[in-house]
Amino acid sequence: MSEFSWHLRCFPNGVRHFGFAFVLTFCMWPLQGATLERLSFDDMVQKATAIVRGTVTASRAAPHGPIVYTHYTLQVTETFKGTPGSMLDMVVPGGVANNIRQSFAGTPSFRTGDDYVFFLWTGQSELTYILGLTQGLFALTPGTPGNPLAIRGASKEIMLEPGTGRQVKDQTVVMHLSDLRSLIASTLKGTQTH
């Protein structure tokens, strides 16, 4: 009798469970990322309940049902759409609360002092999210004095074209804040006339 068949006979359940876990791990490997519907700029402006420029001032994690969210407090420095007030609570899925750690592919994280333009959506749960995960997020970096660059990095997640379901490649978007401000205003004006 070979050593391997002896192990199978002595530990058949252990080997079967290990084999099942091994196969399951490799089958689930491609499912680790998020799949996003690509949103056009017009879609983001129309679907957003608020579009603001804000600075992250604090963060904390808390469970909401079975999901842990990290809450970020934003000091709103400019409002492009909506009436959010001067401080805003925004959530991102994932974080550590009550000794439970959860993480989700495609979710951004922030540091205190980070400055962004956020396309936000508030649902019936009254939680405020970034629209389209990182699609609704423009990092502001020093550009011309008083007119920083607004950069939305290309998503690394699987992105699908609405309607067709075809996989598409996301693109990085770079423009000055003044151009982003004008684009938001003209898109809002165009949606009000329809």
N, C-alpha and C. Protein backbone atom coordinates (compact mmCIF):
# COMPACT_ATOMS: atom_id res chain seq x y z
N MET A 1 0.86 -1.17 0.00
CA MET A 1 0.00 0.00 0.00
C MET A 1 0.90 1.23 0.00
N SER A 2 0.60 2.18 -0.87
CA SER A 2 1.42 3.38 -0.93
C SER A 2 1.12 4.28 0.27
N GLU A 3 2.09 5.17 0.54
CA GLU A 3 1.91 6.09 1.68
C GLU A 3 0.70 7.01 1.45
N PHE A 4 0.48 7.45 0.20
CA PHE A 4 -0.63 8.34 -0.10
C PHE A 4 -1.98 7.66 0.14
N SER A 5 -2.13 6.40 -0.33
CA SER A 5 -3.41 5.72 -0.12
C SER A 5 -3.64 5.43 1.36
N TRP A 6 -2.56 5.20 2.11
CA TRP A 6 -2.70 5.02 3.56
C TRP A 6 -3.27 6.29 4.19
N HIS A 7 -2.76 7.49 3.76
CA HIS A 7 -3.27 8.76 4.28
C HIS A 7 -4.73 8.96 3.88
N LEU A 8 -5.09 8.57 2.67
CA LEU A 8 -6.48 8.70 2.24
C LEU A 8 -7.40 7.84 3.09
N ARG A 9 -6.94 6.61 3.39
CA ARG A 9 -7.77 5.72 4.17
C ARG A 9 -7.83 6.19 5.63
N CYS A 10 -6.73 6.71 6.14
CA CYS A 10 -6.69 7.14 7.54
C CYS A 10 -7.35 8.50 7.75
N PHE A 11 -7.24 9.36 6.76
CA PHE A 11 -7.75 10.73 6.90
C PHE A 11 -8.64 11.11 5.72
N PRO A 12 -9.61 10.30 5.36
CA PRO A 12 -10.38 10.61 4.16
C PRO A 12 -11.16 11.91 4.26
N ASN A 13 -11.75 12.22 5.40
CA ASN A 13 -12.52 13.46 5.53
C ASN A 13 -11.60 14.67 5.49
N GLY A 14 -10.47 14.58 6.17
CA GLY A 14 -9.53 15.70 6.18
C GLY A 14 -9.02 16.02 4.80
N VAL A 15 -8.67 14.97 4.05
CA VAL A 15 -8.17 15.19 2.71
C VAL A 15 -9.27 15.75 1.82
N ARG A 16 -10.47 15.20 1.94
CA ARG A 16 -11.57 15.70 1.12
C ARG A 16 -11.87 17.16 1.44
N HIS A 17 -11.88 17.50 2.73
CA HIS A 17 -12.15 18.88 3.11
C HIS A 17 -11.04 19.80 2.62
N PHE A 18 -9.78 19.34 2.74
CA PHE A 18 -8.67 20.16 2.25
C PHE A 18 -8.78 20.34 0.74
N GLY A 19 -9.08 19.25 0.03
CA GLY A 19 -9.21 19.33 -1.43
C GLY A 19 -10.33 20.28 -1.83
N PHE A 20 -11.46 20.20 -1.15
CA PHE A 20 -12.58 21.09 -1.44
C PHE A 20 -12.20 22.54 -1.16
N ALA A 21 -11.55 22.79 -0.03
CA ALA A 21 -11.13 24.16 0.31
C ALA A 21 -10.12 24.68 -0.71
N PHE A 22 -9.21 23.81 -1.14
CA PHE A 22 -8.19 24.19 -2.11
C PHE A 22 -8.84 24.60 -3.44
N VAL A 23 -9.75 23.76 -3.94
CA VAL A 23 -10.45 24.06 -5.20
C VAL A 23 -11.30 25.32 -5.05
N LEU A 24 -12.02 25.44 -3.95
CA LEU A 24 -12.88 26.60 -3.73
C LEU A 24 -12.07 27.89 -3.70
N THR A 25 -10.90 27.85 -3.07
CA THR A 25 -10.04 29.03 -3.01
C THR A 25 -9.67 29.51 -4.41
N PHE A 26 -9.25 28.59 -5.27
CA PHE A 26 -8.82 29.00 -6.60
C PHE A 26 -10.00 29.35 -7.51
N CYS A 27 -11.16 28.77 -7.26
CA CYS A 27 -12.35 29.14 -8.03
C CYS A 27 -12.83 30.54 -7.66
N MET A 28 -12.69 30.89 -6.40
CA MET A 28 -13.16 32.19 -5.92
C MET A 28 -12.15 33.30 -6.18
N TRP A 29 -10.91 32.96 -6.49
CA TRP A 29 -9.85 33.95 -6.67
C TRP A 29 -10.25 35.07 -7.62
N PRO A 30 -10.82 34.80 -8.82
CA PRO A 30 -11.18 35.89 -9.72
C PRO A 30 -12.33 36.75 -9.21
N LEU A 31 -13.05 36.31 -8.20
CA LEU A 31 -14.20 37.06 -7.71
C LEU A 31 -13.83 38.08 -6.64
N GLN A 32 -12.54 38.29 -6.42
CA GLN A 32 -12.11 39.18 -5.36
C GLN A 32 -12.35 40.65 -5.69
N GLY A 33 -12.45 41.03 -6.95
CA GLY A 33 -12.63 42.43 -7.32
C GLY A 33 -14.09 42.81 -7.43
N ALA A 34 -14.32 44.10 -7.52
CA ALA A 34 -15.67 44.62 -7.70
C ALA A 34 -15.95 44.75 -9.20
N THR A 35 -17.20 44.70 -9.57
CA THR A 35 -17.62 44.96 -10.95
C THR A 35 -18.47 46.22 -10.92
N LEU A 36 -18.09 47.18 -11.73
CA LEU A 36 -18.75 48.48 -11.73
C LEU A 36 -19.39 48.76 -13.08
N GLU A 37 -20.50 49.47 -13.06
CA GLU A 37 -21.09 49.99 -14.29
C GLU A 37 -20.41 51.32 -14.56
N ARG A 38 -19.90 51.49 -15.78
CA ARG A 38 -19.24 52.76 -16.10
C ARG A 38 -20.28 53.86 -16.15
N LEU A 39 -19.99 54.93 -15.44
CA LEU A 39 -20.88 56.09 -15.41
C LEU A 39 -20.26 57.21 -16.24
N SER A 40 -21.05 57.81 -17.11
CA SER A 40 -20.57 58.97 -17.84
C SER A 40 -20.56 60.16 -16.89
N PHE A 41 -19.90 61.22 -17.27
CA PHE A 41 -19.86 62.42 -16.44
C PHE A 41 -21.29 62.95 -16.25
N ASP A 42 -22.07 62.98 -17.33
CA ASP A 42 -23.47 63.43 -17.23
C ASP A 42 -24.26 62.57 -16.25
N ASP A 43 -24.06 61.24 -16.32
CA ASP A 43 -24.74 60.33 -15.38
C ASP A 43 -24.39 60.68 -13.94
N MET A 44 -23.11 60.91 -13.69
CA MET A 44 -22.68 61.21 -12.32
C MET A 44 -23.29 62.51 -11.81
N VAL A 45 -23.30 63.53 -12.66
CA VAL A 45 -23.87 64.81 -12.25
C VAL A 45 -25.37 64.66 -11.99
N GLN A 46 -26.07 63.95 -12.86
CA GLN A 46 -27.52 63.78 -12.70
C GLN A 46 -27.87 62.92 -11.49
N LYS A 47 -27.13 61.83 -11.26
CA LYS A 47 -27.46 60.90 -10.17
C LYS A 47 -27.00 61.37 -8.80
N ALA A 48 -26.01 62.23 -8.76
CA ALA A 48 -25.48 62.70 -7.47
C ALA A 48 -26.54 63.53 -6.74
N THR A 49 -26.69 63.27 -5.45
CA THR A 49 -27.57 64.12 -4.64
C THR A 49 -26.81 65.34 -4.14
N ALA A 50 -25.46 65.25 -4.14
CA ALA A 50 -24.62 66.39 -3.78
C ALA A 50 -23.27 66.23 -4.48
N ILE A 51 -22.72 67.35 -4.91
CA ILE A 51 -21.35 67.39 -5.44
C ILE A 51 -20.65 68.50 -4.68
N VAL A 52 -19.58 68.12 -3.97
CA VAL A 52 -18.90 69.09 -3.11
C VAL A 52 -17.39 68.97 -3.23
N ARG A 53 -16.73 70.07 -2.91
CA ARG A 53 -15.29 70.03 -2.64
C ARG A 53 -15.19 69.96 -1.13
N GLY A 54 -14.40 69.01 -0.63
CA GLY A 54 -14.31 68.86 0.81
C GLY A 54 -12.97 68.34 1.26
N THR A 55 -12.67 68.61 2.52
CA THR A 55 -11.44 68.14 3.16
C THR A 55 -11.82 67.14 4.24
N VAL A 56 -11.13 66.01 4.25
CA VAL A 56 -11.38 64.98 5.26
C VAL A 56 -10.83 65.47 6.60
N THR A 57 -11.70 65.50 7.63
CA THR A 57 -11.26 65.99 8.94
C THR A 57 -11.21 64.89 10.00
N ALA A 58 -11.92 63.78 9.80
CA ALA A 58 -11.93 62.71 10.81
C ALA A 58 -12.49 61.44 10.18
N SER A 59 -12.25 60.31 10.86
CA SER A 59 -12.84 59.04 10.42
C SER A 59 -13.11 58.15 11.62
N ARG A 60 -14.10 57.28 11.45
CA ARG A 60 -14.44 56.28 12.46
C ARG A 60 -15.18 55.16 11.75
N ALA A 61 -15.13 53.97 12.29
CA ALA A 61 -15.83 52.83 11.69
C ALA A 61 -17.00 52.43 12.58
N ALA A 62 -18.07 51.97 11.95
CA ALA A 62 -19.26 51.52 12.70
C ALA A 62 -20.02 50.50 11.86
N PRO A 63 -20.61 49.49 12.52
CA PRO A 63 -21.41 48.53 11.77
C PRO A 63 -22.80 49.11 11.47
N HIS A 64 -23.30 48.78 10.31
CA HIS A 64 -24.69 49.09 9.92
C HIS A 64 -25.25 47.77 9.40
N GLY A 65 -26.02 47.10 10.24
CA GLY A 65 -26.46 45.75 9.90
C GLY A 65 -25.23 44.85 9.84
N PRO A 66 -25.12 44.01 8.81
CA PRO A 66 -23.99 43.09 8.73
C PRO A 66 -22.71 43.71 8.15
N ILE A 67 -22.77 44.96 7.71
CA ILE A 67 -21.63 45.58 7.04
C ILE A 67 -21.00 46.65 7.91
N VAL A 68 -19.67 46.64 7.95
CA VAL A 68 -18.92 47.69 8.64
C VAL A 68 -18.63 48.78 7.62
N TYR A 69 -18.88 50.03 8.01
CA TYR A 69 -18.58 51.18 7.16
C TYR A 69 -17.59 52.08 7.88
N THR A 70 -16.69 52.69 7.10
CA THR A 70 -15.86 53.75 7.65
C THR A 70 -16.55 55.06 7.32
N HIS A 71 -16.83 55.84 8.36
CA HIS A 71 -17.45 57.15 8.21
C HIS A 71 -16.34 58.19 8.14
N TYR A 72 -16.38 59.03 7.13
CA TYR A 72 -15.43 60.13 7.00
C TYR A 72 -16.19 61.44 7.18
N THR A 73 -15.68 62.30 8.02
CA THR A 73 -16.26 63.63 8.19
C THR A 73 -15.57 64.56 7.20
N LEU A 74 -16.37 65.25 6.41
CA LEU A 74 -15.85 66.19 5.41
C LEU A 74 -16.21 67.60 5.81
N GLN A 75 -15.24 68.49 5.73
CA GLN A 75 -15.52 69.92 5.84
C GLN A 75 -15.73 70.41 4.42
N VAL A 76 -16.95 70.82 4.13
CA VAL A 76 -17.31 71.24 2.78
C VAL A 76 -16.78 72.65 2.56
N THR A 77 -15.95 72.81 1.51
CA THR A 77 -15.40 74.13 1.21
C THR A 77 -16.04 74.76 -0.03
N GLU A 78 -16.74 73.94 -0.82
CA GLU A 78 -17.44 74.46 -2.00
C GLU A 78 -18.54 73.47 -2.36
N THR A 79 -19.70 73.98 -2.72
CA THR A 79 -20.83 73.13 -3.11
C THR A 79 -21.17 73.41 -4.56
N PHE A 80 -21.21 72.33 -5.37
CA PHE A 80 -21.56 72.44 -6.78
C PHE A 80 -23.01 72.01 -7.03
N LYS A 81 -23.52 71.11 -6.19
CA LYS A 81 -24.89 70.63 -6.33
C LYS A 81 -25.38 70.20 -4.95
N GLY A 82 -26.65 70.47 -4.66
CA GLY A 82 -27.24 70.06 -3.39
C GLY A 82 -27.04 71.10 -2.31
N THR A 83 -27.50 70.78 -1.10
CA THR A 83 -27.37 71.67 0.06
C THR A 83 -26.89 70.87 1.27
N PRO A 84 -25.62 70.43 1.24
CA PRO A 84 -25.15 69.53 2.29
C PRO A 84 -24.77 70.18 3.61
N GLY A 85 -24.62 71.49 3.68
CA GLY A 85 -24.14 72.13 4.90
C GLY A 85 -22.62 72.17 4.92
N SER A 86 -22.06 72.69 6.01
CA SER A 86 -20.61 72.87 6.06
C SER A 86 -19.85 71.61 6.47
N MET A 87 -20.52 70.68 7.13
CA MET A 87 -19.91 69.40 7.50
C MET A 87 -20.79 68.27 6.95
N LEU A 88 -20.16 67.18 6.58
CA LEU A 88 -20.88 66.09 5.94
C LEU A 88 -20.29 64.77 6.40
N ASP A 89 -21.15 63.78 6.62
CA ASP A 89 -20.71 62.43 6.97
C ASP A 89 -20.87 61.55 5.74
N MET A 90 -19.76 60.98 5.27
CA MET A 90 -19.76 60.13 4.08
C MET A 90 -19.25 58.75 4.50
N VAL A 91 -19.81 57.68 3.92
CA VAL A 91 -19.38 56.34 4.29
C VAL A 91 -18.76 55.60 3.10
N VAL A 92 -17.83 54.72 3.46
CA VAL A 92 -17.20 53.82 2.51
C VAL A 92 -17.29 52.42 3.11
N PRO A 93 -17.74 51.41 2.35
CA PRO A 93 -17.83 50.07 2.93
C PRO A 93 -16.46 49.55 3.34
N GLY A 94 -16.42 48.91 4.51
CA GLY A 94 -15.18 48.34 5.03
C GLY A 94 -14.66 49.11 6.21
N GLY A 95 -13.85 48.45 7.01
CA GLY A 95 -13.27 49.06 8.18
C GLY A 95 -13.21 48.06 9.32
N VAL A 96 -12.85 48.54 10.50
CA VAL A 96 -12.77 47.69 11.69
C VAL A 96 -13.67 48.27 12.76
N ALA A 97 -14.64 47.46 13.22
CA ALA A 97 -15.55 47.87 14.29
C ALA A 97 -15.92 46.64 15.10
N ASN A 98 -15.92 46.78 16.42
CA ASN A 98 -16.27 45.67 17.32
C ASN A 98 -15.43 44.42 17.03
N ASN A 99 -14.12 44.64 16.79
CA ASN A 99 -13.18 43.55 16.48
C ASN A 99 -13.53 42.78 15.22
N ILE A 100 -14.29 43.39 14.33
CA ILE A 100 -14.61 42.78 13.03
C ILE A 100 -13.98 43.64 11.94
N ARG A 101 -13.17 43.00 11.10
CA ARG A 101 -12.53 43.70 9.98
C ARG A 101 -13.20 43.25 8.69
N GLN A 102 -13.64 44.22 7.89
CA GLN A 102 -14.19 43.93 6.57
C GLN A 102 -13.49 44.81 5.55
N SER A 103 -13.23 44.24 4.38
CA SER A 103 -12.65 45.04 3.30
C SER A 103 -13.38 44.68 2.01
N PHE A 104 -13.48 45.66 1.14
CA PHE A 104 -14.19 45.50 -0.12
C PHE A 104 -13.32 46.04 -1.24
N ALA A 105 -13.23 45.29 -2.33
CA ALA A 105 -12.44 45.71 -3.48
C ALA A 105 -12.98 47.01 -4.06
N GLY A 106 -12.08 47.86 -4.50
CA GLY A 106 -12.47 49.09 -5.18
C GLY A 106 -12.86 50.25 -4.29
N THR A 107 -12.80 50.07 -2.97
CA THR A 107 -13.18 51.17 -2.08
C THR A 107 -11.97 52.02 -1.75
N PRO A 108 -12.12 53.33 -1.81
CA PRO A 108 -11.00 54.21 -1.48
C PRO A 108 -10.83 54.36 0.02
N SER A 109 -9.66 54.81 0.43
CA SER A 109 -9.45 55.19 1.83
C SER A 109 -8.85 56.59 1.81
N PHE A 110 -9.03 57.31 2.90
CA PHE A 110 -8.63 58.71 2.96
C PHE A 110 -7.82 58.98 4.21
N ARG A 111 -7.04 60.05 4.16
CA ARG A 111 -6.30 60.53 5.32
C ARG A 111 -6.83 61.91 5.68
N THR A 112 -6.72 62.23 6.95
CA THR A 112 -7.11 63.56 7.40
C THR A 112 -6.31 64.60 6.62
N GLY A 113 -7.00 65.60 6.12
CA GLY A 113 -6.36 66.66 5.33
C GLY A 113 -6.48 66.47 3.83
N ASP A 114 -6.87 65.27 3.38
CA ASP A 114 -7.06 65.03 1.95
C ASP A 114 -8.16 65.94 1.41
N ASP A 115 -7.94 66.50 0.22
CA ASP A 115 -8.87 67.44 -0.42
C ASP A 115 -9.36 66.83 -1.72
N TYR A 116 -10.67 66.73 -1.89
CA TYR A 116 -11.27 66.08 -3.06
C TYR A 116 -12.51 66.84 -3.51
N VAL A 117 -12.92 66.53 -4.75
CA VAL A 117 -14.28 66.83 -5.19
C VAL A 117 -15.00 65.48 -5.16
N PHE A 118 -16.11 65.44 -4.42
CA PHE A 118 -16.89 64.21 -4.22
C PHE A 118 -18.23 64.31 -4.94
N PHE A 119 -18.56 63.30 -5.73
CA PHE A 119 -19.90 63.13 -6.28
C PHE A 119 -20.58 62.15 -5.34
N LEU A 120 -21.57 62.62 -4.60
CA LEU A 120 -22.16 61.84 -3.51
C LEU A 120 -23.61 61.47 -3.79
N TRP A 121 -24.03 60.39 -3.18
CA TRP A 121 -25.41 59.93 -3.29
C TRP A 121 -25.88 59.50 -1.91
N THR A 122 -27.03 60.04 -1.50
CA THR A 122 -27.64 59.66 -0.22
C THR A 122 -28.88 58.84 -0.52
N GLY A 123 -28.92 57.63 0.03
CA GLY A 123 -30.03 56.72 -0.20
C GLY A 123 -31.06 56.77 0.90
N GLN A 124 -32.02 55.85 0.84
CA GLN A 124 -33.09 55.78 1.84
C GLN A 124 -32.55 55.49 3.23
N SER A 125 -31.39 54.83 3.30
CA SER A 125 -30.78 54.53 4.60
C SER A 125 -30.21 55.79 5.25
N GLU A 126 -30.21 56.88 4.51
CA GLU A 126 -29.65 58.17 4.93
C GLU A 126 -28.13 58.13 5.07
N LEU A 127 -27.49 57.08 4.56
CA LEU A 127 -26.04 57.05 4.48
C LEU A 127 -25.63 57.70 3.17
N THR A 128 -24.55 58.45 3.18
CA THR A 128 -24.06 59.14 1.99
C THR A 128 -22.83 58.41 1.47
N TYR A 129 -22.87 58.02 0.21
CA TYR A 129 -21.81 57.25 -0.44
C TYR A 129 -21.18 58.05 -1.57
N ILE A 130 -19.96 57.65 -1.97
CA ILE A 130 -19.36 58.17 -3.20
C ILE A 130 -20.03 57.45 -4.36
N LEU A 131 -20.48 58.19 -5.34
CA LEU A 131 -21.16 57.61 -6.50
C LEU A 131 -20.18 56.79 -7.33
N GLY A 132 -20.50 55.52 -7.58
CA GLY A 132 -19.65 54.68 -8.42
C GLY A 132 -18.29 54.37 -7.82
N LEU A 133 -18.23 54.27 -6.49
CA LEU A 133 -16.97 54.07 -5.78
C LEU A 133 -15.98 55.15 -6.18
N THR A 134 -14.88 54.82 -6.85
CA THR A 134 -13.88 55.85 -7.16
C THR A 134 -14.24 56.68 -8.38
N GLN A 135 -15.30 56.31 -9.12
CA GLN A 135 -15.68 57.11 -10.30
C GLN A 135 -16.11 58.52 -9.89
N GLY A 136 -16.68 58.66 -8.72
CA GLY A 136 -17.17 59.95 -8.25
C GLY A 136 -16.21 60.64 -7.32
N LEU A 137 -14.92 60.51 -7.59
CA LEU A 137 -13.90 61.02 -6.68
C LEU A 137 -12.76 61.65 -7.46
N PHE A 138 -12.57 62.96 -7.29
CA PHE A 138 -11.47 63.67 -7.94
C PHE A 138 -10.53 64.20 -6.86
N ALA A 139 -9.30 63.68 -6.82
CA ALA A 139 -8.29 64.15 -5.87
C ALA A 139 -7.78 65.51 -6.34
N LEU A 140 -7.63 66.43 -5.41
CA LEU A 140 -7.12 67.76 -5.75
C LEU A 140 -5.66 67.84 -5.34
N THR A 141 -4.82 68.15 -6.31
CA THR A 141 -3.39 68.25 -6.07
C THR A 141 -2.91 69.62 -6.53
N PRO A 142 -1.82 70.10 -5.95
CA PRO A 142 -1.35 71.44 -6.32
C PRO A 142 -1.12 71.56 -7.83
N GLY A 143 -1.72 72.54 -8.42
CA GLY A 143 -1.53 72.86 -9.83
C GLY A 143 -1.11 74.32 -9.88
N THR A 144 -1.78 75.09 -10.68
CA THR A 144 -1.54 76.52 -10.68
C THR A 144 -2.05 77.08 -9.36
N PRO A 145 -1.41 78.09 -8.82
CA PRO A 145 -1.86 78.64 -7.53
C PRO A 145 -3.35 78.99 -7.58
N GLY A 146 -4.11 78.46 -6.61
CA GLY A 146 -5.54 78.72 -6.54
C GLY A 146 -6.37 77.88 -7.48
N ASN A 147 -5.73 77.10 -8.35
CA ASN A 147 -6.47 76.28 -9.31
C ASN A 147 -5.83 74.89 -9.38
N PRO A 148 -6.06 74.05 -8.36
CA PRO A 148 -5.41 72.74 -8.33
C PRO A 148 -5.88 71.83 -9.45
N LEU A 149 -5.09 70.80 -9.69
CA LEU A 149 -5.50 69.77 -10.64
C LEU A 149 -6.50 68.84 -9.96
N ALA A 150 -7.53 68.46 -10.70
CA ALA A 150 -8.51 67.47 -10.24
C ALA A 150 -8.23 66.19 -11.01
N ILE A 151 -7.89 65.13 -10.27
CA ILE A 151 -7.49 63.87 -10.90
C ILE A 151 -8.39 62.74 -10.42
N ARG A 152 -9.01 62.07 -11.39
CA ARG A 152 -9.75 60.85 -11.09
C ARG A 152 -8.98 59.71 -11.72
N GLY A 153 -8.33 58.91 -10.88
CA GLY A 153 -7.55 57.79 -11.39
C GLY A 153 -8.44 56.73 -12.02
N ALA A 154 -7.89 56.03 -13.00
CA ALA A 154 -8.63 54.94 -13.64
C ALA A 154 -8.88 53.84 -12.62
N SER A 155 -10.08 53.33 -12.60
CA SER A 155 -10.42 52.24 -11.68
C SER A 155 -9.71 50.97 -12.12
N LYS A 156 -9.23 50.21 -11.16
CA LYS A 156 -8.60 48.93 -11.44
C LYS A 156 -9.63 47.80 -11.45
N GLU A 157 -10.86 48.13 -11.12
CA GLU A 157 -11.91 47.12 -11.05
C GLU A 157 -12.49 46.84 -12.44
N ILE A 158 -13.19 45.73 -12.56
CA ILE A 158 -13.86 45.40 -13.82
C ILE A 158 -14.96 46.43 -14.05
N MET A 159 -14.97 47.00 -15.25
CA MET A 159 -15.95 48.04 -15.58
C MET A 159 -16.74 47.60 -16.80
N LEU A 160 -18.07 47.72 -16.69
CA LEU A 160 -18.95 47.30 -17.78
C LEU A 160 -19.69 48.49 -18.37
N GLU A 161 -19.86 48.45 -19.68
CA GLU A 161 -20.61 49.48 -20.40
C GLU A 161 -22.10 49.26 -20.11
N PRO A 162 -22.83 50.33 -19.69
CA PRO A 162 -24.26 50.14 -19.45
C PRO A 162 -24.98 49.80 -20.76
N GLY A 163 -25.99 48.99 -20.65
CA GLY A 163 -26.76 48.61 -21.83
C GLY A 163 -26.22 47.37 -22.51
N THR A 164 -24.92 47.35 -22.82
CA THR A 164 -24.35 46.21 -23.54
C THR A 164 -23.72 45.18 -22.60
N GLY A 165 -23.25 45.63 -21.45
CA GLY A 165 -22.57 44.73 -20.52
C GLY A 165 -21.16 44.37 -20.95
N ARG A 166 -20.67 45.04 -22.02
CA ARG A 166 -19.30 44.79 -22.49
C ARG A 166 -18.30 45.35 -21.48
N GLN A 167 -17.20 44.61 -21.29
CA GLN A 167 -16.15 45.10 -20.41
C GLN A 167 -15.40 46.21 -21.13
N VAL A 168 -15.18 47.31 -20.42
CA VAL A 168 -14.46 48.46 -20.98
C VAL A 168 -13.33 48.84 -20.03
N LYS A 169 -12.36 49.54 -20.58
CA LYS A 169 -11.22 49.99 -19.78
C LYS A 169 -11.48 51.42 -19.32
N ASP A 170 -11.33 51.64 -18.03
CA ASP A 170 -11.53 52.98 -17.48
C ASP A 170 -10.30 53.84 -17.80
N GLN A 171 -10.50 55.14 -17.87
CA GLN A 171 -9.42 56.07 -18.19
C GLN A 171 -9.22 57.06 -17.05
N THR A 172 -7.99 57.47 -16.83
CA THR A 172 -7.69 58.53 -15.87
C THR A 172 -8.18 59.85 -16.46
N VAL A 173 -8.76 60.69 -15.61
CA VAL A 173 -9.24 62.01 -16.03
C VAL A 173 -8.46 63.06 -15.25
N VAL A 174 -7.87 64.02 -15.96
CA VAL A 174 -7.10 65.09 -15.32
C VAL A 174 -7.56 66.42 -15.91
N MET A 175 -7.91 67.36 -15.03
CA MET A 175 -8.26 68.72 -15.46
C MET A 175 -8.07 69.66 -14.29
N HIS A 176 -8.02 70.94 -14.57
CA HIS A 176 -7.95 71.92 -13.49
C HIS A 176 -9.31 72.02 -12.80
N LEU A 177 -9.29 72.37 -11.53
CA LEU A 177 -10.54 72.51 -10.77
C LEU A 177 -11.48 73.49 -11.45
N SER A 178 -10.95 74.57 -12.02
CA SER A 178 -11.82 75.55 -12.70
C SER A 178 -12.56 74.90 -13.88
N ASP A 179 -11.88 74.00 -14.60
CA ASP A 179 -12.53 73.30 -15.71
C ASP A 179 -13.58 72.31 -15.21
N LEU A 180 -13.28 71.61 -14.12
CA LEU A 180 -14.26 70.69 -13.53
C LEU A 180 -15.48 71.45 -13.05
N ARG A 181 -15.25 72.59 -12.40
CA ARG A 181 -16.34 73.45 -11.92
C ARG A 181 -17.24 73.87 -13.09
N SER A 182 -16.63 74.31 -14.19
CA SER A 182 -17.39 74.74 -15.38
C SER A 182 -18.16 73.58 -16.00
N LEU A 183 -17.54 72.41 -16.05
CA LEU A 183 -18.18 71.24 -16.63
C LEU A 183 -19.39 70.80 -15.81
N ILE A 184 -19.26 70.84 -14.49
CA ILE A 184 -20.40 70.51 -13.61
C ILE A 184 -21.53 71.51 -13.83
N ALA A 185 -21.18 72.80 -13.84
CA ALA A 185 -22.20 73.85 -14.01
C ALA A 185 -22.92 73.72 -15.35
N SER A 186 -22.16 73.49 -16.44
CA SER A 186 -22.81 73.38 -17.76
C SER A 186 -23.66 72.11 -17.86
N THR A 187 -23.23 71.03 -17.23
CA THR A 187 -24.02 69.79 -17.23
C THR A 187 -25.31 70.00 -16.44
N LEU A 188 -25.21 70.65 -15.28
CA LEU A 188 -26.41 70.95 -14.49
C LEU A 188 -27.37 71.85 -15.27
N LYS A 189 -26.82 72.85 -15.94
CA LYS A 189 -27.66 73.77 -16.72
C LYS A 189 -28.35 73.01 -17.85
N GLY A 190 -27.64 72.09 -18.50
CA GLY A 190 -28.22 71.29 -19.59
C GLY A 190 -29.32 70.37 -19.11
N THR A 191 -29.19 69.83 -17.89
CA THR A 191 -30.23 68.93 -17.38
C THR A 191 -31.46 69.70 -16.93
N GLN A 192 -31.30 70.96 -16.57
CA GLN A 192 -32.45 71.76 -16.14
C GLN A 192 -33.30 72.21 -17.31
N THR A 193 -32.73 72.30 -18.51
CA THR A 193 -33.49 72.75 -19.68
C THR A 193 -34.26 71.60 -20.33
N HIS A 194 -33.93 70.34 -19.97
CA HIS A 194 -34.62 69.18 -20.57
C HIS A 194 -35.83 68.82 -19.78
